[in-house]
Protein backbone atom coordinates (compact mmCIF):
# COMPACT_ATOMS: atom_id res chain seq x y z
CA MET A 1 33.66 -99.16 1.82
CA THR A 2 34.92 -97.97 5.21
CA LEU A 3 38.24 -96.22 5.68
CA LYS A 4 39.48 -99.28 7.62
CA ALA A 5 38.51 -101.60 4.74
CA ARG A 6 40.16 -99.34 2.18
CA ARG A 7 43.40 -99.44 4.18
CA LEU A 8 43.52 -103.23 4.44
CA PRO A 9 44.88 -103.92 0.91
CA LEU A 10 47.62 -101.38 1.54
CA VAL A 11 48.52 -103.06 4.83
CA LEU A 12 48.67 -106.43 3.10
CA PHE A 13 50.85 -105.05 0.34
CA LEU A 14 53.27 -103.41 2.76
CA ALA A 15 53.52 -106.56 4.87
CA ILE A 16 54.24 -108.76 1.87
CA ALA A 17 56.63 -106.33 0.27
CA ALA A 18 58.51 -105.48 3.44
CA PRO A 19 61.93 -107.10 3.73
CA ALA A 20 62.47 -109.68 6.42
CA VAL A 21 64.08 -108.52 9.62
CA GLY A 22 67.74 -109.43 9.58
CA SER A 23 69.50 -111.23 6.77
CA THR A 24 68.70 -114.62 5.31
CA PRO A 25 70.88 -117.29 6.99
CA LYS A 26 73.47 -118.87 4.76
CA LYS A 27 72.55 -122.29 3.42
CA GLU A 28 73.93 -125.00 5.68
CA GLU A 29 74.19 -128.72 5.14
CA THR A 30 71.46 -130.82 6.76
CA ILE A 31 73.10 -133.63 8.71
CA ARG A 32 71.15 -136.86 9.00
CA GLY A 33 70.95 -138.87 12.18
CA PRO A 34 71.53 -140.80 14.17
CA GLY A 35 73.90 -138.96 16.43
CA LEU A 36 74.35 -137.97 20.05
CA LEU A 37 71.22 -136.11 21.18
CA TRP A 38 71.11 -136.96 24.89
CA ARG A 39 73.40 -138.26 27.61
CA GLU A 40 72.05 -139.53 30.93
CA PRO A 41 72.61 -136.88 33.64
CA LEU A 42 73.82 -138.98 36.55
CA ASP A 43 74.18 -135.83 38.67
CA LEU A 44 70.76 -134.38 37.78
CA SER A 45 69.63 -133.61 41.34
CA SER A 46 72.85 -131.72 42.07
CA ARG A 47 73.35 -129.88 38.76
CA ASN A 48 73.96 -126.16 39.17
CA LEU A 49 71.33 -124.40 37.11
CA PHE A 50 72.60 -120.96 38.03
CA TYR A 51 75.79 -121.39 36.00
CA GLY A 52 74.56 -124.03 33.56
CA CYS A 53 76.67 -126.40 31.49
CA GLY A 54 79.65 -124.05 31.35
CA GLY A 55 79.90 -123.81 35.10
CA ARG A 56 81.21 -120.93 37.14
CA ASP A 57 84.72 -121.07 35.68
CA HIS A 58 83.59 -120.51 32.09
CA GLN A 59 81.74 -117.26 32.72
CA PRO A 60 82.68 -114.39 30.40
CA ARG A 61 85.17 -112.00 31.94
CA GLY A 62 85.73 -108.42 30.89
CA PRO A 63 86.99 -106.29 29.42
CA TYR A 64 85.06 -107.00 26.21
CA ARG A 65 86.28 -105.96 22.78
CA PHE A 66 83.96 -105.65 19.79
CA VAL A 67 84.82 -107.90 16.82
CA LYS A 68 81.96 -107.71 14.29
CA GLU A 69 78.20 -107.44 13.97
CA ASP A 70 76.18 -110.55 13.06
CA LEU A 71 73.20 -109.78 10.81
CA GLU A 72 71.74 -113.29 10.62
CA GLY A 73 68.40 -114.01 12.26
CA SER A 74 65.92 -111.54 13.69
CA ASN A 75 67.70 -110.41 16.86
CA PRO A 76 70.58 -107.94 17.16
CA LYS A 77 73.85 -109.81 17.73
CA PHE A 78 77.56 -109.22 17.56
CA ASP A 79 80.82 -110.99 18.44
CA VAL A 80 83.18 -109.95 21.21
CA VAL A 81 86.39 -111.26 22.71
CA ASP A 82 86.66 -111.20 26.50
CA GLY A 83 89.60 -110.57 28.78
CA ASP A 84 90.68 -114.22 28.59
CA GLY A 85 90.68 -114.21 24.78
CA VAL A 86 87.46 -116.22 24.55
CA LYS A 87 85.08 -115.38 21.69
CA TRP A 88 81.39 -114.86 22.51
CA LYS A 89 78.21 -114.25 20.53
CA VAL A 90 76.30 -111.46 22.27
CA LYS A 91 72.52 -111.32 21.75
CA LEU A 92 70.57 -108.20 22.72
CA GLY A 93 66.87 -107.74 23.22
CA GLN A 94 63.90 -109.77 24.37
CA GLU A 95 65.36 -113.25 23.80
CA ALA A 96 68.38 -112.80 26.07
CA ARG A 97 66.69 -113.74 29.34
CA PRO A 98 64.44 -116.65 28.22
CA GLU A 99 67.26 -118.23 26.23
CA THR A 100 69.49 -118.24 29.30
CA VAL A 101 66.80 -120.03 31.33
CA ALA A 102 65.94 -122.49 28.57
CA SER A 103 69.56 -123.51 28.08
CA ARG A 104 69.75 -124.53 31.74
CA LEU A 105 66.50 -126.50 31.84
CA VAL A 106 67.34 -128.36 28.63
CA TRP A 107 70.86 -129.17 29.84
CA SER A 108 69.65 -130.23 33.29
CA VAL A 109 67.97 -133.39 31.97
CA GLY A 110 70.74 -134.53 29.66
CA TYR A 111 70.39 -132.63 26.39
CA PHE A 112 73.23 -130.65 24.87
CA THR A 113 73.26 -126.86 24.83
CA THR A 114 75.71 -124.07 24.21
CA GLU A 115 77.31 -122.30 27.16
CA ASP A 116 75.05 -119.31 27.75
CA TYR A 117 75.30 -116.59 30.39
CA LEU A 118 73.29 -113.45 31.09
CA VAL A 119 75.72 -110.56 31.64
CA ARG A 120 74.48 -107.30 33.14
CA ASP A 121 75.79 -103.73 33.17
CA PHE A 122 78.88 -104.13 31.00
CA GLN A 123 80.86 -102.14 28.47
CA VAL A 124 82.11 -103.17 25.04
CA VAL A 125 85.26 -101.43 23.84
CA GLY A 126 85.42 -100.49 20.17
CA MET A 127 81.67 -100.57 19.62
CA PRO A 128 80.73 -98.85 16.34
CA ALA A 129 78.99 -95.51 16.69
CA LYS A 130 75.93 -97.01 15.00
CA LEU A 131 75.07 -100.69 14.90
CA LYS A 132 72.81 -101.70 12.03
CA ARG A 133 70.51 -103.38 14.56
CA GLY A 134 69.92 -102.85 18.26
CA ARG A 135 71.47 -99.40 18.47
CA LYS A 136 68.78 -98.28 20.94
CA LEU A 137 69.93 -101.01 23.32
CA VAL A 138 73.47 -99.65 23.50
CA ALA A 139 74.21 -96.47 25.47
CA PRO A 140 77.05 -94.08 24.57
CA GLY A 141 80.45 -95.59 25.24
CA GLY A 142 79.27 -99.12 24.50
CA ILE A 143 77.35 -99.49 27.78
CA ILE A 144 74.72 -102.27 27.76
CA ASP A 145 72.16 -103.12 30.46
CA TYR A 146 72.10 -106.86 29.80
CA ALA A 147 72.68 -109.43 27.07
CA ARG A 148 73.08 -113.14 26.54
CA PHE A 149 76.65 -114.31 25.94
CA LYS A 150 77.06 -117.58 24.01
CA ARG A 151 80.52 -119.12 24.14
CA THR A 152 82.14 -120.08 20.84
CA PRO A 153 83.55 -123.60 21.44
CA ALA A 154 87.26 -123.91 20.75
CA ASP A 155 87.33 -127.70 20.34
CA GLU A 156 84.12 -128.20 18.33
CA LYS A 157 83.11 -127.17 14.83
CA LYS A 158 79.60 -126.65 13.53
CA ALA A 159 78.99 -129.18 10.76
CA GLY A 160 75.47 -128.16 9.79
CA ILE A 161 71.86 -128.31 10.94
CA TRP A 162 69.41 -131.16 11.57
CA ASP A 163 65.78 -131.84 10.75
CA TRP A 164 63.09 -132.45 13.38
CA LYS A 165 61.40 -134.83 10.92
CA ASP A 166 64.46 -136.82 9.90
CA PRO A 167 63.20 -140.43 9.51
CA ALA A 168 66.30 -141.69 11.32
CA TRP A 169 64.88 -140.22 14.55
CA ALA A 170 61.34 -141.60 14.11
CA GLY A 171 60.00 -143.05 17.36
CA ASN A 172 63.11 -142.01 19.29
CA ARG A 173 62.30 -141.50 22.97
CA GLU A 174 64.97 -138.86 23.47
CA LEU A 175 63.77 -136.81 20.49
CA ASP A 176 60.18 -136.98 21.75
CA GLY A 177 61.45 -135.88 25.16
CA LEU A 178 63.12 -132.87 23.55
CA LYS A 179 59.90 -131.99 21.71
CA THR A 180 58.09 -132.18 25.04
CA LEU A 181 60.65 -129.86 26.62
CA MET A 182 60.14 -127.35 23.82
CA ALA A 183 56.40 -127.43 24.53
CA LEU A 184 56.98 -127.04 28.27
CA ILE A 185 58.92 -123.79 27.75
CA ASN A 186 56.65 -122.61 24.87
CA ASN A 187 59.49 -122.51 22.37
CA TRP A 188 57.54 -122.04 19.13
CA ASP A 189 60.43 -121.12 16.81
CA LEU A 190 61.37 -124.69 15.88
CA LYS A 191 62.72 -124.08 12.41
CA ASP A 192 65.38 -126.58 11.40
CA VAL A 193 67.85 -123.73 10.94
CA ASN A 194 67.66 -123.25 14.73
CA ASN A 195 69.14 -126.72 15.24
CA ALA A 196 72.87 -127.36 15.08
CA VAL A 197 75.24 -130.30 14.68
CA TYR A 198 78.70 -129.95 16.22
CA GLU A 199 81.65 -132.26 15.69
CA GLY A 200 84.64 -132.59 17.98
CA ARG A 201 86.39 -134.91 20.39
CA GLY A 202 85.24 -137.85 18.30
CA GLU A 203 81.54 -137.08 18.74
CA ARG A 204 78.73 -135.71 16.58
CA ILE A 205 76.36 -133.76 18.82
CA PHE A 206 72.81 -132.69 17.91
CA LEU A 207 71.26 -129.77 19.79
CA VAL A 208 68.76 -126.92 19.59
CA SER A 209 71.00 -123.89 19.19
CA ASP A 210 68.40 -121.10 19.45
CA LEU A 211 66.05 -121.27 22.43
CA GLY A 212 65.14 -117.59 22.70
CA ALA A 213 61.50 -117.68 21.53
CA SER A 214 60.37 -119.12 24.86
CA PHE A 215 58.28 -118.35 27.95
CA GLY A 216 55.57 -116.36 26.19
CA THR A 217 52.69 -117.32 23.92
CA PRO A 218 52.78 -120.87 22.47
CA GLY A 219 53.04 -119.53 18.92
CA ARG A 220 54.05 -116.42 17.06
CA SER A 221 51.62 -113.65 17.95
CA TRP A 222 50.90 -109.96 17.61
CA PRO A 223 52.22 -107.83 19.11
CA THR A 224 55.45 -109.78 18.94
CA SER A 225 56.39 -108.75 22.48
CA ARG A 226 53.84 -111.26 23.81
CA ALA A 227 55.53 -114.20 22.10
CA LYS A 228 58.56 -114.50 24.38
CA ASP A 229 59.65 -113.50 27.88
CA ASP A 230 56.10 -112.64 28.96
CA LEU A 231 55.11 -114.03 32.35
CA GLU A 232 51.38 -113.33 31.99
CA GLU A 233 51.14 -114.92 28.55
CA TYR A 234 53.12 -117.95 29.71
CA ARG A 235 50.89 -118.31 32.77
CA ARG A 236 47.62 -118.34 30.85
CA SER A 237 48.75 -120.33 27.83
CA ALA A 238 47.61 -123.92 27.34
CA PHE A 239 50.22 -126.66 27.68
CA ILE A 240 48.56 -129.92 26.63
CA ARG A 241 46.20 -129.47 23.70
CA ARG A 242 44.73 -132.96 23.50
CA LEU A 243 45.11 -136.50 24.79
CA HIS A 244 44.10 -139.24 22.36
CA GLY A 245 44.77 -142.87 23.09
CA ASP A 246 48.43 -143.30 23.96
CA LEU A 247 49.41 -140.00 22.33
CA VAL A 248 49.71 -136.38 23.46
CA ASP A 249 49.32 -133.20 21.42
CA PHE A 250 51.00 -130.15 22.90
CA GLN A 251 49.88 -126.59 22.29
CA SER A 252 53.36 -125.37 21.40
CA PRO A 253 54.53 -124.84 18.74
CA ALA A 254 51.12 -123.42 17.88
CA ARG A 255 49.91 -122.28 14.49
CA PRO A 256 50.65 -118.56 14.02
CA GLY A 257 47.75 -116.24 14.77
CA PHE A 258 45.57 -115.30 11.80
CA VAL A 259 46.84 -111.74 12.08
CA MET A 260 50.12 -113.12 10.70
CA LEU A 261 48.33 -113.74 7.39
CA VAL A 262 49.20 -110.15 6.52
CA ASN A 263 52.61 -111.68 5.86
CA PRO A 264 51.74 -114.89 3.95
CA LYS A 265 55.37 -115.93 3.47
CA GLU A 266 56.04 -115.80 7.19
CA TYR A 267 52.76 -117.56 7.99
CA LEU A 268 53.42 -120.42 5.57
CA ARG A 269 56.98 -120.77 6.83
CA ARG A 270 55.68 -121.52 10.33
CA VAL A 271 52.26 -123.10 9.99
CA HIS A 272 53.69 -126.61 9.49
CA LEU A 273 55.78 -126.43 12.68
CA GLU A 274 52.76 -127.30 14.83
CA SER A 275 53.13 -130.95 13.81
CA ILE A 276 56.39 -131.16 15.81
CA GLY A 277 54.41 -131.07 19.06
CA ARG A 278 51.75 -133.54 17.97
CA ASN A 279 51.37 -137.32 18.42
CA ILE A 280 53.99 -137.67 21.15
CA PRO A 281 53.73 -141.07 22.90
CA ARG A 282 52.52 -140.60 26.47
CA GLU A 283 55.27 -142.84 27.80
CA HIS A 284 57.94 -140.65 26.18
CA ALA A 285 56.41 -137.43 27.51
CA ARG A 286 56.03 -139.01 30.96
CA TRP A 287 59.67 -140.16 30.85
CA ILE A 288 61.00 -136.63 30.43
CA GLY A 289 58.50 -135.38 33.00
CA GLN A 290 59.87 -137.85 35.53
CA MET A 291 63.37 -136.62 34.77
CA LEU A 292 62.33 -133.00 35.28
CA ALA A 293 60.52 -133.92 38.50
CA ARG A 294 63.89 -134.78 40.04
CA LEU A 295 64.85 -131.10 39.89
CA SER A 296 64.29 -129.19 43.10
CA GLU A 297 62.37 -125.95 43.27
CA ARG A 298 65.66 -124.23 44.08
CA GLN A 299 67.33 -125.57 40.94
CA ILE A 300 64.53 -124.34 38.70
CA ARG A 301 64.41 -120.96 40.41
CA ASP A 302 68.19 -120.65 40.01
CA ALA A 303 67.78 -120.93 36.23
CA PHE A 304 65.49 -117.88 36.25
CA SER A 305 67.67 -116.00 38.72
CA ALA A 306 70.69 -116.57 36.47
CA ALA A 307 68.76 -114.81 33.70
CA GLY A 308 68.25 -111.69 35.80
CA TYR A 309 64.57 -112.13 36.66
CA PRO A 310 63.41 -110.38 39.85
CA ASP A 311 62.69 -112.72 42.76
CA GLY A 312 58.91 -112.46 42.38
CA ASP A 313 58.94 -113.25 38.66
CA ALA A 314 61.47 -116.04 39.11
CA GLY A 315 59.23 -117.62 41.73
CA GLU A 316 56.10 -117.40 39.57
CA PHE A 317 57.84 -118.81 36.49
CA THR A 318 59.14 -121.63 38.66
CA ARG A 319 55.65 -122.51 39.90
CA ILE A 320 54.28 -122.63 36.34
CA VAL A 321 57.12 -124.90 35.22
CA GLN A 322 56.52 -127.19 38.19
CA ARG A 323 52.80 -127.42 37.40
CA ARG A 324 53.61 -128.41 33.83
CA ILE A 325 56.08 -131.02 35.03
CA ALA A 326 53.37 -132.48 37.29
CA ARG A 327 51.01 -132.77 34.33
CA LEU A 328 53.64 -134.78 32.46
CA THR A 329 54.25 -137.17 35.33
CA ASP A 330 50.48 -137.76 35.59
CA LEU A 331 50.11 -138.83 31.95
């Protein structure tokens, strides 16, 4: 037996025995549909994708004061209060930029999103000397290069989560359009816990609340850095997996790579997600493609610029998105 072969059982054991990154999310109620998933964007061609659904006036404004660290999920996060007394969820790391872009593209065609902004070169007052996660991303004095700020709504309350496979949504054009959008941006992390239901102002709103695992490989991969915010991986990844009759199968969310079998629990938790992007009626995918086609190149580029991408990268991402939109309109 080779040294490599002798090491494999140990690697498997360590992967299985290793604790999950972050804490296990608290159990939330699953809310059944129907509900409000989409609202026709009458101003689609003029929507400002630089500022997104919150607009310019809702941007976070310093100074920022640390409130508490959030240990849920796999990305370092914490809460702050800004100079206007508004509470924000700050996410550090690789998901900050792609989530900012994704929130704007999803909102542009009528779906609901949280108010997200990419903030650069800022300071957080009262930051602990050592965060439990993400400490390498915070310089002395609470100085941070960039992060995604998600506004905590004052007039809405989270009621629970929703299920992609809820029978109440079966055959729904708007849900299929949302699945198509997730495939277009390569968002592979479509666990139900990443969906949210908010109640307020007499409405029950269904949305995807975590869009950060986007613009990389179409599924979870190794090394994990390739799976999100990776221009080269996004460029060379497949978009449409198969056309069969009046149905479309998208590549994302893809089955996790076989290397993920070293962590069977994680593999099994994700392997079934690939069905979310399968058997989408062509007419539903074409419908959302036609909506997206009404966006100008400038609007799409603004979404990437808002997330802090350099001009060259923003332009290349924009071209890839436009090519994918064209494929949808040609279905």
